[in-house]
Amino acid sequence: SSQKACKLTEGEEPGSLQGGQQQSMHGAGHCKWFNVRMGFGFISMTSRGGTPVDPPMDVFVHQSKLHMEGFRSLREGEPLEFTFQRSPRGLESVQVTGPGGGPCLGSERRQKPKPQAPPQRWKPKGDRCYNCGGLDHHAKECGLPPQPKKCHYCQSATHMVAHCPHRPPAPCLLPQPLREDALLWTN
């Protein structure tokens, strides 16, 4: 029964609905391309149910469908076996394995070098060390011993921002007194 589902006649669609269920087809091929960062790519299907496919057909593959341990990805040209279905967007893999049902090999994950710290002019204002005020690091990386607390406005160690004499006065946000006609529940 599954062999019949794998052999398509001309004009028959893979994964066509029979009895209300989507049928999975078996295929083999190789990874055409795979975007490791986005987690998807395409398989070039060269055989369907043991029958060669010429020209090869593209089958979408998502990393969640890969049979392997750890970080899931594919290497370009890697030989694969898979089951797939037709979806509104085309052919999509259901499960992808290596040859013989083994795990996929995956791509070589190269550790990207850490980017160098951008020049200080790119740092947003306020992204600074809470200990010394430096722009090139944060407090947990600060090489200085704990510094005395300072006013956030003028950097003086003699007072805090709430009592800063150099800071313009803040607008008064005290509640306004109630009007006499607003008192509804008075005697």
N, C-alpha and C. Protein backbone atom coordinates (compact mmCIF):
# COMPACT_ATOMS: atom_id res chain seq x y z
N SER A 1 0.83 -1.19 0.00
CA SER A 1 0.00 0.00 0.00
C SER A 1 0.87 1.25 0.00
N SER A 2 1.94 1.28 0.87
CA SER A 2 2.79 2.46 0.89
C SER A 2 3.61 2.56 -0.39
N GLN A 3 3.93 1.41 -1.02
CA GLN A 3 4.65 1.47 -2.28
C GLN A 3 3.79 2.10 -3.37
N LYS A 4 2.48 1.80 -3.35
CA LYS A 4 1.59 2.41 -4.34
C LYS A 4 1.57 3.92 -4.16
N ALA A 5 1.59 4.38 -2.88
CA ALA A 5 1.52 5.81 -2.61
C ALA A 5 2.78 6.50 -3.11
N CYS A 6 3.90 5.79 -3.15
CA CYS A 6 5.16 6.41 -3.55
C CYS A 6 5.29 6.55 -5.06
N LYS A 7 4.61 5.68 -5.83
CA LYS A 7 4.73 5.74 -7.29
C LYS A 7 3.57 6.57 -7.84
N LEU A 8 3.94 7.69 -8.42
CA LEU A 8 2.91 8.59 -8.95
C LEU A 8 2.75 8.35 -10.44
N THR A 9 1.52 8.41 -10.85
CA THR A 9 1.28 8.38 -12.28
C THR A 9 1.29 9.81 -12.78
N GLU A 10 1.38 9.98 -14.07
CA GLU A 10 1.44 11.32 -14.63
C GLU A 10 0.14 12.06 -14.29
N GLY A 11 0.30 13.29 -13.78
CA GLY A 11 -0.85 14.10 -13.42
C GLY A 11 -1.27 13.91 -11.97
N GLU A 12 -0.81 12.85 -11.31
CA GLU A 12 -1.17 12.63 -9.91
C GLU A 12 -0.24 13.47 -9.05
N GLU A 13 -0.78 14.08 -8.01
CA GLU A 13 0.00 14.95 -7.14
C GLU A 13 0.56 14.16 -5.97
N PRO A 14 1.83 14.40 -5.57
CA PRO A 14 2.34 13.74 -4.39
C PRO A 14 1.57 14.19 -3.17
N GLY A 15 1.30 13.29 -2.24
CA GLY A 15 0.60 13.64 -1.02
C GLY A 15 -0.84 14.02 -1.27
N SER A 16 -1.43 13.56 -2.38
CA SER A 16 -2.81 13.92 -2.66
C SER A 16 -3.71 13.30 -1.63
N LEU A 17 -4.84 13.92 -1.42
CA LEU A 17 -5.78 13.46 -0.40
C LEU A 17 -6.49 12.21 -0.87
N GLN A 18 -6.39 11.15 -0.08
CA GLN A 18 -7.13 9.94 -0.35
C GLN A 18 -7.72 9.50 0.97
N GLY A 19 -9.03 9.39 1.05
CA GLY A 19 -9.67 9.03 2.29
C GLY A 19 -9.57 10.14 3.33
N GLY A 20 -9.36 11.41 2.91
CA GLY A 20 -9.34 12.54 3.82
C GLY A 20 -8.02 12.75 4.53
N GLN A 21 -7.01 11.91 4.28
CA GLN A 21 -5.74 12.08 4.96
C GLN A 21 -4.64 12.41 3.97
N GLN A 22 -3.68 13.20 4.42
CA GLN A 22 -2.52 13.55 3.63
C GLN A 22 -1.55 12.37 3.68
N GLN A 23 -1.11 11.87 2.55
CA GLN A 23 -0.19 10.74 2.52
C GLN A 23 1.24 11.23 2.43
N SER A 24 2.13 10.55 3.17
CA SER A 24 3.55 10.86 3.10
C SER A 24 4.19 10.01 2.02
N MET A 25 5.11 10.61 1.30
CA MET A 25 5.86 9.94 0.24
C MET A 25 7.30 9.79 0.72
N HIS A 26 8.01 8.80 0.20
CA HIS A 26 9.41 8.58 0.53
C HIS A 26 10.27 9.11 -0.61
N GLY A 27 11.37 9.76 -0.25
CA GLY A 27 12.27 10.28 -1.26
C GLY A 27 13.71 10.20 -0.80
N ALA A 28 14.60 10.42 -1.74
CA ALA A 28 16.03 10.46 -1.45
C ALA A 28 16.65 11.55 -2.31
N GLY A 29 17.73 12.08 -1.83
CA GLY A 29 18.41 13.14 -2.57
C GLY A 29 19.55 13.70 -1.75
N HIS A 30 19.81 15.00 -1.94
CA HIS A 30 20.88 15.65 -1.20
C HIS A 30 20.46 17.07 -0.84
N CYS A 31 21.15 17.63 0.12
CA CYS A 31 20.85 19.00 0.55
C CYS A 31 21.30 19.96 -0.55
N LYS A 32 20.35 20.73 -1.07
CA LYS A 32 20.66 21.72 -2.10
C LYS A 32 21.31 22.94 -1.44
N TRP A 33 20.65 23.45 -0.39
CA TRP A 33 21.21 24.53 0.43
C TRP A 33 20.46 24.56 1.75
N PHE A 34 21.11 25.09 2.78
CA PHE A 34 20.50 25.18 4.11
C PHE A 34 21.05 26.41 4.80
N ASN A 35 20.15 27.28 5.27
CA ASN A 35 20.54 28.49 5.98
C ASN A 35 20.57 28.15 7.48
N VAL A 36 21.76 28.05 8.04
CA VAL A 36 21.92 27.65 9.43
C VAL A 36 21.29 28.67 10.37
N ARG A 37 21.44 29.95 10.07
CA ARG A 37 20.91 30.99 10.93
C ARG A 37 19.38 30.97 10.95
N MET A 38 18.74 30.79 9.80
CA MET A 38 17.28 30.80 9.73
C MET A 38 16.67 29.42 10.02
N GLY A 39 17.46 28.34 9.87
CA GLY A 39 16.98 27.01 10.22
C GLY A 39 16.14 26.33 9.16
N PHE A 40 16.33 26.68 7.90
CA PHE A 40 15.59 26.01 6.83
C PHE A 40 16.41 25.98 5.56
N GLY A 41 15.94 25.18 4.60
CA GLY A 41 16.61 25.09 3.31
C GLY A 41 15.83 24.21 2.38
N PHE A 42 16.51 23.66 1.36
CA PHE A 42 15.84 22.82 0.37
C PHE A 42 16.67 21.57 0.10
N ILE A 43 15.96 20.48 -0.10
CA ILE A 43 16.56 19.21 -0.50
C ILE A 43 16.30 19.05 -1.98
N SER A 44 17.29 18.59 -2.72
CA SER A 44 17.13 18.27 -4.14
C SER A 44 16.78 16.78 -4.21
N MET A 45 15.50 16.47 -4.50
CA MET A 45 15.03 15.09 -4.53
C MET A 45 15.41 14.47 -5.87
N THR A 46 16.23 13.39 -5.80
CA THR A 46 16.68 12.71 -7.02
C THR A 46 15.96 11.38 -7.23
N SER A 47 15.29 10.86 -6.18
CA SER A 47 14.47 9.65 -6.37
C SER A 47 13.27 9.71 -5.44
N ARG A 48 12.16 9.17 -5.94
CA ARG A 48 10.90 9.17 -5.19
C ARG A 48 10.42 7.73 -5.17
N GLY A 49 10.35 7.12 -3.97
CA GLY A 49 9.91 5.74 -3.85
C GLY A 49 10.78 4.78 -4.63
N GLY A 50 12.07 5.07 -4.76
CA GLY A 50 12.99 4.21 -5.49
C GLY A 50 13.07 4.50 -6.98
N THR A 51 12.20 5.38 -7.49
CA THR A 51 12.19 5.72 -8.91
C THR A 51 12.96 7.03 -9.12
N PRO A 52 13.92 7.07 -10.06
CA PRO A 52 14.66 8.31 -10.29
C PRO A 52 13.74 9.46 -10.70
N VAL A 53 14.08 10.65 -10.24
CA VAL A 53 13.35 11.87 -10.59
C VAL A 53 14.29 12.72 -11.43
N ASP A 54 13.87 13.00 -12.67
CA ASP A 54 14.70 13.81 -13.55
C ASP A 54 13.81 14.81 -14.26
N PRO A 55 13.96 16.08 -14.09
CA PRO A 55 14.97 16.76 -13.29
C PRO A 55 14.64 16.67 -11.80
N PRO A 56 15.65 16.84 -10.90
CA PRO A 56 15.39 16.79 -9.46
C PRO A 56 14.37 17.84 -9.04
N MET A 57 13.61 17.50 -7.98
CA MET A 57 12.59 18.43 -7.47
C MET A 57 13.04 18.98 -6.13
N ASP A 58 12.67 20.23 -5.84
CA ASP A 58 13.02 20.86 -4.57
C ASP A 58 11.98 20.50 -3.51
N VAL A 59 12.45 20.14 -2.32
CA VAL A 59 11.59 19.83 -1.18
C VAL A 59 12.05 20.71 -0.03
N PHE A 60 11.12 21.49 0.54
CA PHE A 60 11.44 22.37 1.66
C PHE A 60 11.79 21.54 2.89
N VAL A 61 12.77 21.99 3.66
CA VAL A 61 13.14 21.31 4.91
C VAL A 61 13.34 22.36 6.00
N HIS A 62 12.76 22.08 7.18
CA HIS A 62 12.93 22.92 8.36
C HIS A 62 13.76 22.14 9.37
N GLN A 63 14.55 22.83 10.16
CA GLN A 63 15.44 22.16 11.11
C GLN A 63 14.70 21.25 12.08
N SER A 64 13.43 21.54 12.37
CA SER A 64 12.66 20.71 13.32
C SER A 64 12.38 19.32 12.76
N LYS A 65 12.54 19.12 11.47
CA LYS A 65 12.26 17.83 10.83
C LYS A 65 13.50 16.95 10.71
N LEU A 66 14.66 17.44 11.15
CA LEU A 66 15.91 16.70 11.00
C LEU A 66 16.10 15.71 12.13
N HIS A 67 16.50 14.49 11.79
CA HIS A 67 16.77 13.43 12.77
C HIS A 67 18.26 13.48 13.10
N MET A 68 18.59 14.13 14.25
CA MET A 68 19.98 14.23 14.69
C MET A 68 20.02 14.79 16.10
N GLU A 69 21.14 14.60 16.77
CA GLU A 69 21.34 15.12 18.12
C GLU A 69 21.89 16.54 18.07
N GLY A 70 21.63 17.30 19.11
CA GLY A 70 22.22 18.63 19.24
C GLY A 70 21.68 19.63 18.24
N PHE A 71 22.55 20.52 17.80
CA PHE A 71 22.17 21.58 16.87
C PHE A 71 21.82 20.96 15.52
N ARG A 72 20.61 21.23 15.04
CA ARG A 72 20.11 20.61 13.80
C ARG A 72 20.37 21.52 12.60
N SER A 73 21.09 20.97 11.62
CA SER A 73 21.36 21.69 10.38
C SER A 73 21.77 20.67 9.33
N LEU A 74 21.90 21.12 8.10
CA LEU A 74 22.34 20.25 7.00
C LEU A 74 23.54 20.87 6.32
N ARG A 75 24.37 20.01 5.78
CA ARG A 75 25.53 20.44 4.99
C ARG A 75 25.16 20.37 3.52
N GLU A 76 25.55 21.35 2.76
CA GLU A 76 25.28 21.35 1.32
C GLU A 76 25.87 20.09 0.68
N GLY A 77 25.05 19.36 -0.10
CA GLY A 77 25.50 18.15 -0.77
C GLY A 77 25.36 16.89 0.07
N GLU A 78 24.97 17.01 1.33
CA GLU A 78 24.82 15.86 2.22
C GLU A 78 23.74 14.91 1.70
N PRO A 79 24.02 13.59 1.56
CA PRO A 79 22.99 12.65 1.09
C PRO A 79 21.91 12.46 2.17
N LEU A 80 20.65 12.40 1.73
CA LEU A 80 19.53 12.35 2.67
C LEU A 80 18.46 11.38 2.20
N GLU A 81 17.71 10.85 3.15
CA GLU A 81 16.47 10.12 2.89
C GLU A 81 15.40 10.85 3.68
N PHE A 82 14.18 10.87 3.17
CA PHE A 82 13.15 11.67 3.83
C PHE A 82 11.76 11.22 3.42
N THR A 83 10.79 11.64 4.23
CA THR A 83 9.39 11.53 3.86
C THR A 83 8.91 12.96 3.65
N PHE A 84 7.97 13.11 2.72
CA PHE A 84 7.49 14.46 2.41
C PHE A 84 6.01 14.42 2.05
N GLN A 85 5.41 15.60 2.06
CA GLN A 85 4.01 15.76 1.69
C GLN A 85 3.88 17.01 0.84
N ARG A 86 2.79 17.07 0.11
CA ARG A 86 2.47 18.28 -0.64
C ARG A 86 1.71 19.20 0.31
N SER A 87 2.07 20.45 0.32
CA SER A 87 1.37 21.46 1.11
C SER A 87 0.93 22.56 0.14
N PRO A 88 0.15 23.51 0.62
CA PRO A 88 -0.24 24.62 -0.27
C PRO A 88 0.96 25.38 -0.83
N ARG A 89 2.11 25.29 -0.16
CA ARG A 89 3.29 26.02 -0.62
C ARG A 89 4.24 25.15 -1.45
N GLY A 90 3.92 23.89 -1.64
CA GLY A 90 4.80 23.00 -2.41
C GLY A 90 5.11 21.75 -1.64
N LEU A 91 6.24 21.11 -1.95
CA LEU A 91 6.64 19.88 -1.27
C LEU A 91 7.39 20.25 0.02
N GLU A 92 6.98 19.61 1.13
CA GLU A 92 7.61 19.88 2.43
C GLU A 92 8.00 18.57 3.08
N SER A 93 9.19 18.52 3.66
CA SER A 93 9.64 17.31 4.33
C SER A 93 8.89 17.13 5.65
N VAL A 94 8.67 15.85 6.00
CA VAL A 94 8.02 15.49 7.26
C VAL A 94 9.07 14.98 8.24
N GLN A 95 9.99 14.15 7.75
CA GLN A 95 11.10 13.65 8.55
C GLN A 95 12.29 13.47 7.61
N VAL A 96 13.47 13.89 8.08
CA VAL A 96 14.68 13.82 7.26
C VAL A 96 15.76 13.08 8.04
N THR A 97 16.36 12.06 7.40
CA THR A 97 17.43 11.29 8.02
C THR A 97 18.61 11.22 7.07
N GLY A 98 19.70 10.65 7.57
CA GLY A 98 20.83 10.35 6.71
C GLY A 98 20.55 9.05 5.97
N PRO A 99 21.48 8.58 5.14
CA PRO A 99 21.28 7.32 4.43
C PRO A 99 21.03 6.16 5.40
N GLY A 100 20.08 5.29 5.05
CA GLY A 100 19.76 4.13 5.88
C GLY A 100 19.02 4.47 7.15
N GLY A 101 18.48 5.67 7.25
CA GLY A 101 17.72 6.07 8.44
C GLY A 101 18.58 6.58 9.59
N GLY A 102 19.88 6.69 9.37
CA GLY A 102 20.77 7.20 10.41
C GLY A 102 20.61 8.70 10.60
N PRO A 103 21.31 9.25 11.58
CA PRO A 103 21.20 10.70 11.81
C PRO A 103 21.84 11.50 10.68
N CYS A 104 21.33 12.71 10.48
CA CYS A 104 21.92 13.64 9.51
C CYS A 104 23.29 14.07 10.03
N LEU A 105 24.20 14.40 9.12
CA LEU A 105 25.54 14.83 9.51
C LEU A 105 25.54 16.26 10.02
N GLY A 106 24.86 17.14 9.33
CA GLY A 106 24.81 18.54 9.73
C GLY A 106 25.97 19.34 9.17
N SER A 107 25.84 20.64 9.27
CA SER A 107 26.87 21.53 8.75
C SER A 107 27.99 21.68 9.76
N GLU A 108 29.11 22.18 9.28
CA GLU A 108 30.20 22.51 10.19
C GLU A 108 29.85 23.83 10.83
N ARG A 109 29.67 23.80 12.15
CA ARG A 109 29.38 25.06 12.85
C ARG A 109 30.69 25.72 13.19
N ARG A 110 30.98 26.80 12.51
CA ARG A 110 32.20 27.53 12.83
C ARG A 110 31.85 28.56 13.90
N GLN A 111 32.69 28.60 14.92
CA GLN A 111 32.48 29.60 15.96
C GLN A 111 32.84 30.96 15.39
N LYS A 112 31.89 31.84 15.37
CA LYS A 112 32.16 33.17 14.85
C LYS A 112 33.01 33.94 15.85
N PRO A 113 34.02 34.66 15.38
CA PRO A 113 34.80 35.45 16.32
C PRO A 113 33.92 36.54 16.92
N LYS A 114 34.17 36.83 18.19
CA LYS A 114 33.38 37.89 18.82
C LYS A 114 33.70 39.21 18.13
N PRO A 115 32.67 39.96 17.81
CA PRO A 115 32.93 41.25 17.16
C PRO A 115 33.63 42.18 18.15
N GLN A 116 34.53 42.99 17.62
CA GLN A 116 35.22 43.94 18.46
C GLN A 116 34.22 44.98 18.93
N ALA A 117 34.49 45.52 20.10
CA ALA A 117 33.61 46.55 20.64
C ALA A 117 33.57 47.72 19.67
N PRO A 118 32.38 48.21 19.36
CA PRO A 118 32.30 49.36 18.45
C PRO A 118 32.94 50.59 19.09
N PRO A 119 33.36 51.52 18.26
CA PRO A 119 33.93 52.75 18.82
C PRO A 119 32.96 53.41 19.79
N GLN A 120 33.50 54.16 20.74
CA GLN A 120 32.67 54.76 21.79
C GLN A 120 31.57 55.65 21.23
N ARG A 121 31.79 56.25 20.09
CA ARG A 121 30.76 57.15 19.56
C ARG A 121 29.48 56.39 19.18
N TRP A 122 29.58 55.06 19.00
CA TRP A 122 28.39 54.27 18.66
C TRP A 122 27.61 53.85 19.90
N LYS A 123 28.25 53.94 21.06
CA LYS A 123 27.59 53.50 22.29
C LYS A 123 26.48 54.48 22.64
N PRO A 124 25.30 53.97 22.96
CA PRO A 124 24.24 54.89 23.35
C PRO A 124 24.55 55.53 24.70
N LYS A 125 24.11 56.75 24.88
CA LYS A 125 24.32 57.44 26.14
C LYS A 125 23.60 56.66 27.23
N GLY A 126 24.25 56.49 28.35
CA GLY A 126 23.64 55.76 29.44
C GLY A 126 24.11 54.32 29.52
N ASP A 127 24.76 53.81 28.48
CA ASP A 127 25.28 52.44 28.52
C ASP A 127 26.70 52.53 29.04
N ARG A 128 26.82 52.63 30.34
CA ARG A 128 28.13 52.83 30.94
C ARG A 128 28.25 52.05 32.24
N CYS A 129 29.45 52.00 32.77
CA CYS A 129 29.73 51.30 34.02
C CYS A 129 29.09 52.07 35.18
N TYR A 130 28.32 51.37 36.01
CA TYR A 130 27.70 52.02 37.16
C TYR A 130 28.71 52.31 38.26
N ASN A 131 29.87 51.67 38.20
CA ASN A 131 30.88 51.86 39.24
C ASN A 131 31.76 53.08 38.97
N CYS A 132 32.35 53.17 37.76
CA CYS A 132 33.29 54.27 37.47
C CYS A 132 32.79 55.23 36.40
N GLY A 133 31.73 54.87 35.67
CA GLY A 133 31.20 55.75 34.63
C GLY A 133 31.83 55.54 33.27
N GLY A 134 32.76 54.59 33.14
CA GLY A 134 33.42 54.34 31.85
C GLY A 134 32.44 53.81 30.81
N LEU A 135 32.71 54.15 29.54
CA LEU A 135 31.82 53.74 28.45
C LEU A 135 32.21 52.41 27.83
N ASP A 136 33.42 51.91 28.12
CA ASP A 136 33.91 50.72 27.43
C ASP A 136 33.63 49.41 28.17
N HIS A 137 32.92 49.46 29.29
CA HIS A 137 32.64 48.24 30.03
C HIS A 137 31.45 48.48 30.97
N HIS A 138 31.00 47.40 31.62
CA HIS A 138 29.92 47.47 32.60
C HIS A 138 30.50 47.20 33.98
N ALA A 139 29.73 47.43 35.03
CA ALA A 139 30.21 47.32 36.41
C ALA A 139 30.79 45.95 36.72
N LYS A 140 30.19 44.88 36.18
CA LYS A 140 30.70 43.54 36.51
C LYS A 140 32.09 43.29 35.92
N GLU A 141 32.49 44.07 34.88
CA GLU A 141 33.81 43.92 34.29
C GLU A 141 34.77 45.02 34.76
N CYS A 142 34.32 45.89 35.66
CA CYS A 142 35.13 47.04 36.08
C CYS A 142 36.33 46.56 36.89
N GLY A 143 37.51 47.07 36.56
CA GLY A 143 38.73 46.69 37.26
C GLY A 143 38.97 47.50 38.52
N LEU A 144 38.20 48.53 38.77
CA LEU A 144 38.39 49.36 39.95
C LEU A 144 37.62 48.80 41.14
N PRO A 145 38.09 49.07 42.35
CA PRO A 145 37.30 48.66 43.52
C PRO A 145 36.01 49.49 43.56
N PRO A 146 35.04 49.07 44.35
CA PRO A 146 33.78 49.84 44.41
C PRO A 146 34.04 51.31 44.72
N GLN A 147 33.47 52.17 43.92
CA GLN A 147 33.65 53.61 44.04
C GLN A 147 32.51 54.19 44.88
N PRO A 148 32.72 55.39 45.47
CA PRO A 148 31.62 56.01 46.23
C PRO A 148 30.47 56.36 45.29
N LYS A 149 29.27 56.31 45.82
CA LYS A 149 28.09 56.66 45.02
C LYS A 149 28.15 58.13 44.66
N LYS A 150 27.66 58.45 43.43
CA LYS A 150 27.72 59.82 42.93
C LYS A 150 26.35 60.26 42.43
N CYS A 151 26.19 61.56 42.35
CA CYS A 151 24.99 62.15 41.77
C CYS A 151 24.96 61.80 40.28
N HIS A 152 23.83 61.32 39.78
CA HIS A 152 23.72 60.96 38.37
C HIS A 152 23.68 62.19 37.46
N TYR A 153 23.41 63.36 38.02
CA TYR A 153 23.31 64.56 37.20
C TYR A 153 24.67 65.26 37.04
N CYS A 154 25.38 65.51 38.18
CA CYS A 154 26.63 66.28 38.09
C CYS A 154 27.87 65.46 38.47
N GLN A 155 27.70 64.21 38.84
CA GLN A 155 28.79 63.29 39.20
C GLN A 155 29.49 63.65 40.51
N SER A 156 28.91 64.50 41.33
CA SER A 156 29.51 64.85 42.62
C SER A 156 29.28 63.72 43.61
N ALA A 157 30.28 63.47 44.47
CA ALA A 157 30.16 62.43 45.50
C ALA A 157 29.57 62.98 46.78
N THR A 158 29.28 64.29 46.84
CA THR A 158 28.79 64.91 48.08
C THR A 158 27.28 64.82 48.24
N HIS A 159 26.56 64.49 47.16
CA HIS A 159 25.10 64.41 47.24
C HIS A 159 24.57 63.47 46.15
N MET A 160 23.29 63.14 46.24
CA MET A 160 22.62 62.30 45.25
C MET A 160 21.77 63.19 44.34
N VAL A 161 21.27 62.62 43.25
CA VAL A 161 20.54 63.39 42.24
C VAL A 161 19.29 64.06 42.81
N ALA A 162 18.65 63.46 43.79
CA ALA A 162 17.44 64.05 44.35
C ALA A 162 17.72 65.40 45.03
N HIS A 163 18.96 65.61 45.49
CA HIS A 163 19.30 66.85 46.19
C HIS A 163 20.35 67.65 45.43
N CYS A 164 20.45 67.45 44.13
CA CYS A 164 21.47 68.12 43.32
C CYS A 164 21.15 69.61 43.17
N PRO A 165 22.10 70.49 43.57
CA PRO A 165 21.86 71.92 43.42
C PRO A 165 21.99 72.40 41.98
N HIS A 166 22.61 71.60 41.11
CA HIS A 166 22.82 71.99 39.71
C HIS A 166 21.67 71.57 38.80
N ARG A 167 20.81 70.72 39.30
CA ARG A 167 19.70 70.20 38.48
C ARG A 167 18.53 71.18 38.53
N PRO A 168 17.92 71.46 37.35
CA PRO A 168 16.77 72.36 37.37
C PRO A 168 15.62 71.72 38.15
N PRO A 169 14.81 72.53 38.78
CA PRO A 169 13.71 71.96 39.58
C PRO A 169 12.72 71.22 38.68
N ALA A 170 12.25 70.11 39.21
CA ALA A 170 11.26 69.30 38.48
C ALA A 170 9.89 69.94 38.64
N PRO A 171 9.01 69.79 37.66
CA PRO A 171 7.66 70.34 37.81
C PRO A 171 6.95 69.65 38.97
N CYS A 172 6.16 70.40 39.67
CA CYS A 172 5.47 69.89 40.85
C CYS A 172 4.38 68.91 40.42
N LEU A 173 4.42 67.73 40.95
CA LEU A 173 3.42 66.71 40.62
C LEU A 173 2.54 66.38 41.81
N LEU A 174 2.47 67.33 42.79
CA LEU A 174 1.62 67.08 43.96
C LEU A 174 0.16 67.17 43.56
N PRO A 175 -0.69 66.40 44.22
CA PRO A 175 -2.11 66.47 43.87
C PRO A 175 -2.68 67.84 44.22
N GLN A 176 -3.58 68.31 43.39
CA GLN A 176 -4.24 69.58 43.61
C GLN A 176 -5.27 69.43 44.73
N PRO A 177 -5.51 70.49 45.51
CA PRO A 177 -6.53 70.38 46.57
C PRO A 177 -7.90 70.16 45.93
N LEU A 178 -8.73 69.40 46.63
CA LEU A 178 -10.07 69.12 46.13
C LEU A 178 -10.93 70.37 46.17
N ARG A 179 -11.74 70.54 45.15
CA ARG A 179 -12.69 71.65 45.15
C ARG A 179 -13.84 71.30 46.07
N GLU A 180 -14.46 72.32 46.63
CA GLU A 180 -15.54 72.10 47.57
C GLU A 180 -16.73 71.41 46.90
N ASP A 181 -17.04 71.73 45.63
CA ASP A 181 -18.17 71.11 44.97
C ASP A 181 -17.89 69.68 44.54
N ALA A 182 -16.59 69.23 44.62
CA ALA A 182 -16.26 67.86 44.26
C ALA A 182 -16.49 66.91 45.43
N LEU A 183 -16.70 67.47 46.61
CA LEU A 183 -16.94 66.62 47.78
C LEU A 183 -18.41 66.22 47.80
N LEU A 184 -18.69 65.02 47.45
CA LEU A 184 -20.07 64.57 47.36
C LEU A 184 -20.57 63.95 48.65
N TRP A 185 -19.70 63.42 49.46
CA TRP A 185 -20.13 62.63 50.61
C TRP A 185 -19.79 63.33 51.91
N THR A 186 -20.00 64.60 51.98
CA THR A 186 -19.69 65.33 53.23
C THR A 186 -20.99 65.67 53.93
N ASN A 187 -20.87 65.93 55.22
CA ASN A 187 -22.06 66.32 56.01
C ASN A 187 -22.18 67.80 56.09
